[in-house]
Amino acid sequence: MREVYERWERDEREPVVSVWPLVLAFLGYYPGPQESFADMTLMARRTLGLEQKKLAEQVGVIHQRLRRWEHGAETPSPPELARLKGLLAEPMRAAG
């Protein structure tokens, strides 16, 4: 485990998405940018610990569309953004 952590520290690797909720709980905050729809999509995946396909299912879109959001190639519609924010609010309420 120490080797894995050291690789994170050296920016050689990132935690797998399923580990992110534990990392965020330990830190007590989300350390990444939060300015764009792409940032928000990635933050939601990391906070929830979900792969793109699983988050897309929960938001109600195909995973290719969610991938485009995450890469900044497309923006969610207002209802999709509301669903994404709603999913993101759940862990925040539980933590607070």
C-alpha atoms as a PDB file:
ATOM      1  CA  MET A   1       0.000   0.000   0.000  1.00  0.00           C
ATOM      2  CA  ARG A   2       2.835   2.394   0.760  1.00  0.00           C
ATOM      3  CA  GLU A   3       4.175   2.014  -2.784  1.00  0.00           C
ATOM      4  CA  VAL A   4       0.758   2.877  -4.213  1.00  0.00           C
ATOM      5  CA  TYR A   5       0.524   5.993  -2.050  1.00  0.00           C
ATOM      6  CA  GLU A   6       4.057   7.046  -3.032  1.00  0.00           C
ATOM      7  CA  ARG A   7       3.118   6.776  -6.707  1.00  0.00           C
ATOM      8  CA  TRP A   8       0.133   9.053  -6.060  1.00  0.00           C
ATOM      9  CA  GLU A   9       2.443  11.543  -4.352  1.00  0.00           C
ATOM     10  CA  ARG A  10       4.868  11.515  -7.292  1.00  0.00           C
ATOM     11  CA  ASP A  11       1.971  11.975  -9.758  1.00  0.00           C
ATOM     12  CA  GLU A  12       2.884   8.701 -11.437  1.00  0.00           C
ATOM     13  CA  ARG A  13      -0.605   7.285 -10.860  1.00  0.00           C
ATOM     14  CA  GLU A  14      -4.016   8.376  -9.656  1.00  0.00           C
ATOM     15  CA  PRO A  15      -6.238   6.417  -7.317  1.00  0.00           C
ATOM     16  CA  VAL A  16      -8.744   4.167  -9.070  1.00  0.00           C
ATOM     17  CA  VAL A  17     -12.215   5.674  -9.042  1.00  0.00           C
ATOM     18  CA  SER A  18     -13.536   3.228  -6.430  1.00  0.00           C
ATOM     19  CA  VAL A  19     -10.918   4.460  -3.918  1.00  0.00           C
ATOM     20  CA  TRP A  20     -11.689   8.163  -4.364  1.00  0.00           C
ATOM     21  CA  PRO A  21     -14.537   8.302  -1.803  1.00  0.00           C
ATOM     22  CA  LEU A  22     -12.111   7.058   0.870  1.00  0.00           C
ATOM     23  CA  VAL A  23      -9.430   9.553  -0.169  1.00  0.00           C
ATOM     24  CA  LEU A  24     -11.955  12.399  -0.106  1.00  0.00           C
ATOM     25  CA  ALA A  25     -13.301  11.322   3.280  1.00  0.00           C
ATOM     26  CA  PHE A  26      -9.757  11.308   4.633  1.00  0.00           C
ATOM     27  CA  LEU A  27      -8.953  14.741   3.174  1.00  0.00           C
ATOM     28  CA  GLY A  28     -12.315  16.238   4.110  1.00  0.00           C
ATOM     29  CA  TYR A  29     -12.554  18.147   0.829  1.00  0.00           C
ATOM     30  CA  TYR A  30     -12.286  17.711  -2.946  1.00  0.00           C
ATOM     31  CA  PRO A  31      -8.787  18.809  -4.046  1.00  0.00           C
ATOM     32  CA  GLY A  32      -9.477  19.208  -7.769  1.00  0.00           C
ATOM     33  CA  PRO A  33     -10.782  22.096  -9.837  1.00  0.00           C
ATOM     34  CA  GLN A  34     -14.529  22.757  -9.788  1.00  0.00           C
ATOM     35  CA  GLU A  35     -15.022  25.548 -12.327  1.00  0.00           C
ATOM     36  CA  SER A  36     -16.419  23.790 -15.410  1.00  0.00           C
ATOM     37  CA  PHE A  37     -19.000  21.152 -16.304  1.00  0.00           C
ATOM     38  CA  ALA A  38     -16.068  18.842 -17.067  1.00  0.00           C
ATOM     39  CA  ASP A  39     -14.670  19.422 -13.572  1.00  0.00           C
ATOM     40  CA  MET A  40     -18.087  18.845 -12.006  1.00  0.00           C
ATOM     41  CA  THR A  41     -18.560  15.579 -13.902  1.00  0.00           C
ATOM     42  CA  LEU A  42     -15.177  14.247 -12.810  1.00  0.00           C
ATOM     43  CA  MET A  43     -15.802  15.405  -9.246  1.00  0.00           C
ATOM     44  CA  ALA A  44     -19.141  13.552  -9.230  1.00  0.00           C
ATOM     45  CA  ARG A  45     -17.511  10.349 -10.458  1.00  0.00           C
ATOM     46  CA  ARG A  46     -14.749  10.573  -7.888  1.00  0.00           C
ATOM     47  CA  THR A  47     -17.046  11.541  -5.017  1.00  0.00           C
ATOM     48  CA  LEU A  48     -19.411   8.677  -5.802  1.00  0.00           C
ATOM     49  CA  GLY A  49     -16.642   6.240  -6.745  1.00  0.00           C
ATOM     50  CA  LEU A  50     -18.300   5.376 -10.063  1.00  0.00           C
ATOM     51  CA  GLU A  51     -17.003   4.501 -13.502  1.00  0.00           C
ATOM     52  CA  GLN A  52     -18.341   6.667 -16.355  1.00  0.00           C
ATOM     53  CA  LYS A  53     -20.853   4.029 -17.424  1.00  0.00           C
ATOM     54  CA  LYS A  54     -22.387   3.720 -13.934  1.00  0.00           C
ATOM     55  CA  LEU A  55     -22.634   7.472 -13.417  1.00  0.00           C
ATOM     56  CA  ALA A  56     -24.176   7.843 -16.881  1.00  0.00           C
ATOM     57  CA  GLU A  57     -26.836   5.291 -15.923  1.00  0.00           C
ATOM     58  CA  GLN A  58     -27.648   7.229 -12.752  1.00  0.00           C
ATOM     59  CA  VAL A  59     -27.876  10.534 -14.634  1.00  0.00           C
ATOM     60  CA  GLY A  60     -29.918   8.915 -17.409  1.00  0.00           C
ATOM     61  CA  VAL A  61     -27.581   9.429 -20.365  1.00  0.00           C
ATOM     62  CA  ILE A  62     -25.398   7.156 -22.472  1.00  0.00           C
ATOM     63  CA  HIS A  63     -21.841   6.869 -21.212  1.00  0.00           C
ATOM     64  CA  GLN A  64     -20.356   8.364 -24.398  1.00  0.00           C
ATOM     65  CA  ARG A  65     -22.256  11.567 -23.663  1.00  0.00           C
ATOM     66  CA  LEU A  66     -21.011  11.659 -20.086  1.00  0.00           C
ATOM     67  CA  ARG A  67     -17.464  11.114 -21.389  1.00  0.00           C
ATOM     68  CA  ARG A  68     -17.882  14.151 -23.656  1.00  0.00           C
ATOM     69  CA  TRP A  69     -18.983  16.218 -20.623  1.00  0.00           C
ATOM     70  CA  GLU A  70     -15.938  15.070 -18.691  1.00  0.00           C
ATOM     71  CA  HIS A  71     -13.643  16.037 -21.568  1.00  0.00           C
ATOM     72  CA  GLY A  72     -15.312  19.404 -22.051  1.00  0.00           C
ATOM     73  CA  ALA A  73     -16.553  18.534 -25.546  1.00  0.00           C
ATOM     74  CA  GLU A  74     -20.237  18.914 -24.622  1.00  0.00           C
ATOM     75  CA  THR A  75     -22.285  20.433 -21.813  1.00  0.00           C
ATOM     76  CA  PRO A  76     -25.225  18.809 -20.040  1.00  0.00           C
ATOM     77  CA  SER A  77     -28.733  20.118 -20.574  1.00  0.00           C
ATOM     78  CA  PRO A  78     -30.333  21.895 -17.585  1.00  0.00           C
ATOM     79  CA  PRO A  79     -32.286  18.754 -16.499  1.00  0.00           C
ATOM     80  CA  GLU A  80     -29.161  16.577 -16.844  1.00  0.00           C
ATOM     81  CA  LEU A  81     -27.132  19.093 -14.859  1.00  0.00           C
ATOM     82  CA  ALA A  82     -29.791  19.091 -12.151  1.00  0.00           C
ATOM     83  CA  ARG A  83     -29.633  15.276 -11.920  1.00  0.00           C
ATOM     84  CA  LEU A  84     -25.829  15.390 -11.770  1.00  0.00           C
ATOM     85  CA  LYS A  85     -25.911  18.006  -8.999  1.00  0.00           C
ATOM     86  CA  GLY A  86     -28.556  15.988  -7.159  1.00  0.00           C
ATOM     87  CA  LEU A  87     -26.361  12.895  -7.177  1.00  0.00           C
ATOM     88  CA  LEU A  88     -23.416  14.952  -5.999  1.00  0.00           C
ATOM     89  CA  ALA A  89     -25.448  16.471  -3.161  1.00  0.00           C
ATOM     90  CA  GLU A  90     -26.228  13.070  -1.606  1.00  0.00           C
ATOM     91  CA  PRO A  91     -22.681  12.287  -0.366  1.00  0.00           C
ATOM     92  CA  MET A  92     -22.225  15.920   0.692  1.00  0.00           C
ATOM     93  CA  ARG A  93     -25.338  15.734   2.891  1.00  0.00           C
ATOM     94  CA  ALA A  94     -24.172  12.439   4.382  1.00  0.00           C
ATOM     95  CA  ALA A  95     -20.719  13.888   5.155  1.00  0.00           C
ATOM     96  CA  GLY A  96     -22.055  17.157   6.589  1.00  0.00           C
END
